[in-house]
Protein backbone atom coordinates (compact mmCIF):
# COMPACT_ATOMS: atom_id res chain seq x y z
CA MET A 1 20.61 -50.68 -19.10
CA ALA A 2 20.88 -49.65 -22.68
CA ALA A 3 17.42 -48.08 -22.90
CA LEU A 4 18.93 -45.28 -20.85
CA ARG A 5 22.33 -45.31 -22.48
CA LEU A 6 22.79 -41.68 -23.47
CA TRP A 7 26.53 -42.00 -23.61
CA CYS A 8 28.82 -38.99 -23.42
CA GLY A 9 29.34 -38.75 -27.18
CA PRO A 10 25.92 -39.86 -28.42
CA MET A 11 26.02 -38.55 -31.94
CA SER A 12 29.54 -39.06 -33.21
CA ASN A 13 32.06 -41.87 -33.56
CA ASN A 14 35.83 -41.74 -33.19
CA THR A 15 36.21 -39.99 -36.53
CA GLY A 16 34.07 -37.10 -35.38
CA ARG A 17 31.33 -37.92 -37.88
CA THR A 18 27.84 -39.02 -37.13
CA ALA A 19 26.67 -42.56 -37.83
CA ALA A 20 24.43 -41.03 -40.47
CA GLY A 21 27.50 -39.72 -42.26
CA GLY A 22 27.30 -36.04 -41.33
CA LYS A 23 29.63 -33.95 -39.24
CA GLY A 24 29.57 -34.65 -35.53
CA MET A 25 27.89 -32.23 -33.15
CA LYS A 26 30.12 -29.92 -31.14
CA LYS A 27 31.54 -31.17 -27.87
CA SER A 28 29.12 -28.93 -26.02
CA THR A 29 26.41 -31.49 -26.77
CA ALA A 30 28.44 -34.35 -25.33
CA LEU A 31 28.46 -33.20 -21.72
CA PRO A 32 24.70 -32.49 -21.62
CA ALA A 33 24.16 -36.06 -22.82
CA ALA A 34 26.21 -37.29 -19.90
CA LEU A 35 24.26 -35.11 -17.48
CA LEU A 36 21.01 -36.35 -18.93
CA ALA A 37 22.24 -39.90 -18.55
CA ALA A 38 22.73 -39.25 -14.87
CA ALA A 39 19.27 -37.74 -14.53
CA VAL A 40 17.56 -40.59 -16.35
CA SER A 41 19.57 -43.41 -14.86
CA ALA A 42 19.55 -42.13 -11.33
CA GLY A 43 15.81 -41.64 -11.51
CA ALA A 44 15.29 -45.14 -12.82
CA ALA A 45 17.61 -46.47 -10.15
CA GLN A 46 14.96 -45.71 -7.55
CA ALA A 47 13.70 -49.17 -8.43
CA GLN A 48 11.30 -49.61 -5.55
CA THR A 49 9.46 -46.33 -6.13
CA ILE A 50 9.51 -45.18 -9.77
CA ASP A 51 6.87 -46.38 -12.24
CA PRO A 52 7.75 -47.70 -15.71
CA GLY A 53 6.20 -46.12 -18.79
CA LEU A 54 6.65 -42.99 -20.88
CA TRP A 55 8.51 -40.21 -19.09
CA GLU A 56 8.98 -36.63 -20.21
CA MET A 57 11.95 -34.62 -18.97
CA GLN A 58 11.99 -30.86 -19.20
CA THR A 59 15.63 -29.86 -19.13
CA SER A 60 17.24 -26.48 -18.65
CA MET A 61 20.96 -26.26 -19.45
CA GLN A 62 23.22 -23.27 -19.01
CA ILE A 63 25.60 -23.80 -21.92
CA PRO A 64 26.22 -21.02 -24.46
CA GLY A 65 24.91 -21.94 -27.89
CA LEU A 66 23.39 -25.27 -26.90
CA GLN A 67 19.76 -24.37 -27.56
CA GLU A 68 20.66 -23.15 -31.04
CA GLN A 69 22.45 -26.43 -31.75
CA LEU A 70 19.45 -28.46 -30.63
CA LYS A 71 17.14 -26.28 -32.69
CA ASN A 72 19.30 -26.79 -35.78
CA MET A 73 19.99 -30.48 -35.20
CA PRO A 74 19.95 -32.29 -38.58
CA PRO A 75 16.88 -34.53 -39.02
CA GLU A 76 19.06 -37.60 -39.57
CA VAL A 77 20.87 -37.01 -36.27
CA ARG A 78 17.59 -36.55 -34.41
CA LYS A 79 16.22 -39.73 -35.99
CA MET A 80 19.36 -41.64 -35.05
CA MET A 81 19.04 -40.53 -31.43
CA GLU A 82 15.44 -41.65 -31.31
CA GLN A 83 16.15 -45.03 -32.91
CA GLN A 84 19.34 -45.88 -31.04
CA MET A 85 18.45 -44.53 -27.62
CA GLY A 86 14.68 -44.74 -27.52
CA ILE A 87 14.13 -41.06 -26.85
CA GLY A 88 12.37 -38.11 -28.42
CA VAL A 89 14.05 -34.70 -28.40
CA ALA A 90 12.42 -31.33 -29.04
CA ALA A 91 13.14 -27.70 -28.28
CA GLY A 92 10.75 -26.73 -25.50
CA LYS A 93 9.33 -23.43 -24.34
CA GLY A 94 11.34 -20.88 -22.42
CA GLY A 95 14.69 -22.23 -23.56
CA ARG A 96 13.95 -25.67 -22.18
CA THR A 97 14.35 -28.97 -24.00
CA ALA A 98 11.74 -31.72 -23.83
CA VAL A 99 13.06 -35.28 -23.85
CA ARG A 100 10.82 -38.35 -23.73
CA VAL A 101 12.18 -41.69 -22.58
CA CYS A 102 10.48 -45.07 -22.46
CA LEU A 103 11.29 -46.91 -19.21
CA ALA A 104 10.41 -50.59 -19.33
CA PRO A 105 9.81 -52.60 -16.12
CA GLU A 106 13.24 -54.18 -16.47
CA ASP A 107 14.78 -50.71 -16.72
CA VAL A 108 13.48 -49.57 -13.36
CA ARG A 109 14.49 -52.84 -11.75
CA GLU A 110 18.17 -52.55 -12.71
CA GLY A 111 19.84 -49.75 -10.73
CA PRO A 112 22.67 -48.60 -12.98
CA ILE A 113 24.00 -45.79 -10.82
CA ARG A 114 26.54 -47.38 -8.52
CA GLU A 115 30.12 -46.81 -7.50
CA GLY A 116 32.42 -47.29 -10.48
CA HIS A 117 29.60 -47.66 -13.04
CA LYS A 118 30.46 -46.27 -16.47
CA GLU A 119 28.28 -44.54 -19.06
CA GLY A 120 30.37 -44.08 -22.18
CA ASP A 121 33.27 -41.79 -21.24
CA CYS A 122 31.88 -41.03 -17.78
CA THR A 123 32.34 -42.85 -14.47
CA TYR A 124 30.08 -42.48 -11.42
CA THR A 125 31.75 -42.16 -8.02
CA GLN A 126 30.83 -41.22 -4.44
CA VAL A 127 27.34 -42.59 -4.98
CA SER A 128 24.91 -42.45 -2.06
CA ARG A 129 21.16 -42.77 -1.59
CA SER A 130 18.65 -41.86 1.06
CA ALA A 131 14.91 -42.50 1.08
CA LYS A 132 14.14 -39.79 -1.49
CA THR A 133 17.51 -38.49 -2.63
CA TRP A 134 20.16 -39.96 -4.90
CA LYS A 135 23.55 -38.28 -5.05
CA GLY A 136 26.76 -38.93 -6.93
CA ARG A 137 29.72 -37.55 -8.76
CA MET A 138 30.63 -37.91 -12.43
CA VAL A 139 34.11 -37.88 -13.92
CA CYS A 140 34.16 -37.68 -17.73
CA THR A 141 37.00 -37.82 -20.25
CA ASN A 142 35.28 -36.41 -23.36
CA PRO A 143 35.21 -33.55 -22.78
CA PRO A 144 37.39 -33.70 -19.62
CA SER A 145 35.04 -32.69 -16.83
CA GLN A 146 33.76 -33.60 -13.40
CA GLY A 147 30.96 -32.58 -11.10
CA ASP A 148 28.04 -33.60 -8.92
CA PHE A 149 24.41 -34.53 -9.45
CA THR A 150 21.43 -34.90 -7.13
CA VAL A 151 18.08 -36.54 -7.88
CA THR A 152 15.07 -35.92 -5.64
CA LEU A 153 12.12 -38.27 -5.85
CA HIS A 154 8.79 -36.52 -5.25
CA SER A 155 6.48 -39.41 -6.14
CA PRO A 156 6.55 -42.64 -8.21
CA GLN A 157 5.69 -40.46 -11.21
CA HIS A 158 7.74 -37.34 -10.58
CA TYR A 159 11.35 -36.53 -9.82
CA THR A 160 13.74 -33.61 -10.26
CA SER A 161 17.49 -33.50 -10.68
CA ARG A 162 20.32 -31.02 -10.79
CA ALA A 163 23.85 -31.51 -12.11
CA VAL A 164 26.77 -29.10 -12.00
CA MET A 165 29.91 -29.92 -13.98
CA GLN A 166 33.22 -28.14 -14.46
CA VAL A 167 34.67 -28.61 -17.94
CA GLN A 168 38.45 -28.37 -18.23
CA GLY A 169 40.46 -26.76 -21.00
CA LYS A 170 40.42 -23.42 -22.79
CA ASP A 171 36.80 -23.91 -23.86
CA GLY A 172 35.76 -25.15 -20.45
CA GLY A 173 33.66 -23.60 -17.76
CA ARG A 174 30.76 -24.30 -15.46
CA THR A 175 27.86 -26.26 -16.91
CA GLU A 176 24.54 -26.59 -15.09
CA MET A 177 21.54 -28.74 -15.89
CA ASP A 178 18.16 -28.94 -14.18
CA VAL A 179 15.62 -31.63 -15.04
CA GLU A 180 11.99 -32.06 -14.08
CA ALA A 181 10.76 -35.53 -15.01
CA ARG A 182 7.15 -36.68 -15.01
CA ARG A 183 5.55 -39.92 -16.11
CA VAL A 184 3.28 -39.16 -19.05
CA SER A 185 1.68 -42.54 -19.62
CA ALA A 186 1.95 -46.23 -18.85
CA ASP A 187 2.04 -46.76 -22.64
CA CYS A 188 5.18 -45.63 -24.44
CA GLY A 189 3.28 -45.28 -27.72
CA SER A 190 5.55 -44.65 -30.70
CA LEU A 191 8.61 -44.74 -28.47
CA ALA A 192 7.91 -48.39 -27.77
CA ALA A 193 10.04 -48.99 -30.85
CA GLY A 194 12.82 -47.49 -28.79
CA ALA A 195 13.22 -50.94 -27.29
CA GLN A 196 15.64 -51.34 -30.20
CA GLY A 197 17.67 -48.64 -28.52
CA ARG A 198 18.28 -50.94 -25.57
CA LYS A 199 20.58 -53.11 -27.64
CA ARG A 200 24.01 -53.23 -26.09
């Protein structure tokens, strides 16, 4: 389900440099990408109830310095994210970040969140689902961290999620992320080109 593949280290390769040739973003951006992956993928995994189309996710993350990093993200890195992952990223109001994702019909049919499923450096475990709630646990290696996420489906065009992760190491700590996702349109518009981002 590569349209939703916001892997744990989305903007840097093993050398720590971006694909565009610049310096990689700090590790504090890697974990939010993993949390966002859970929010997007778990929402899309509600295959029988969520509608395909253009979705906007308003995210609030409690990570020191993250908003400033997003605000100062180099244009080439932002462009790479949009091209490779089919998303649009912008600094939102009130310290929130707006992310737009194009979900194709095949995306919402697939169900990527399952026991043992991997997204980059993260593995999903203890996955469970009820009629309107999707729960699971993530264990990540870069940065070393683990925690829980919950997605609540309010309607076919609206869901919310919350993830809480504990990052290990001297620079670690508690990271929280809340997402409110709403379907904006049946037409993905300019993000339709993000279909290229679904390449595996």
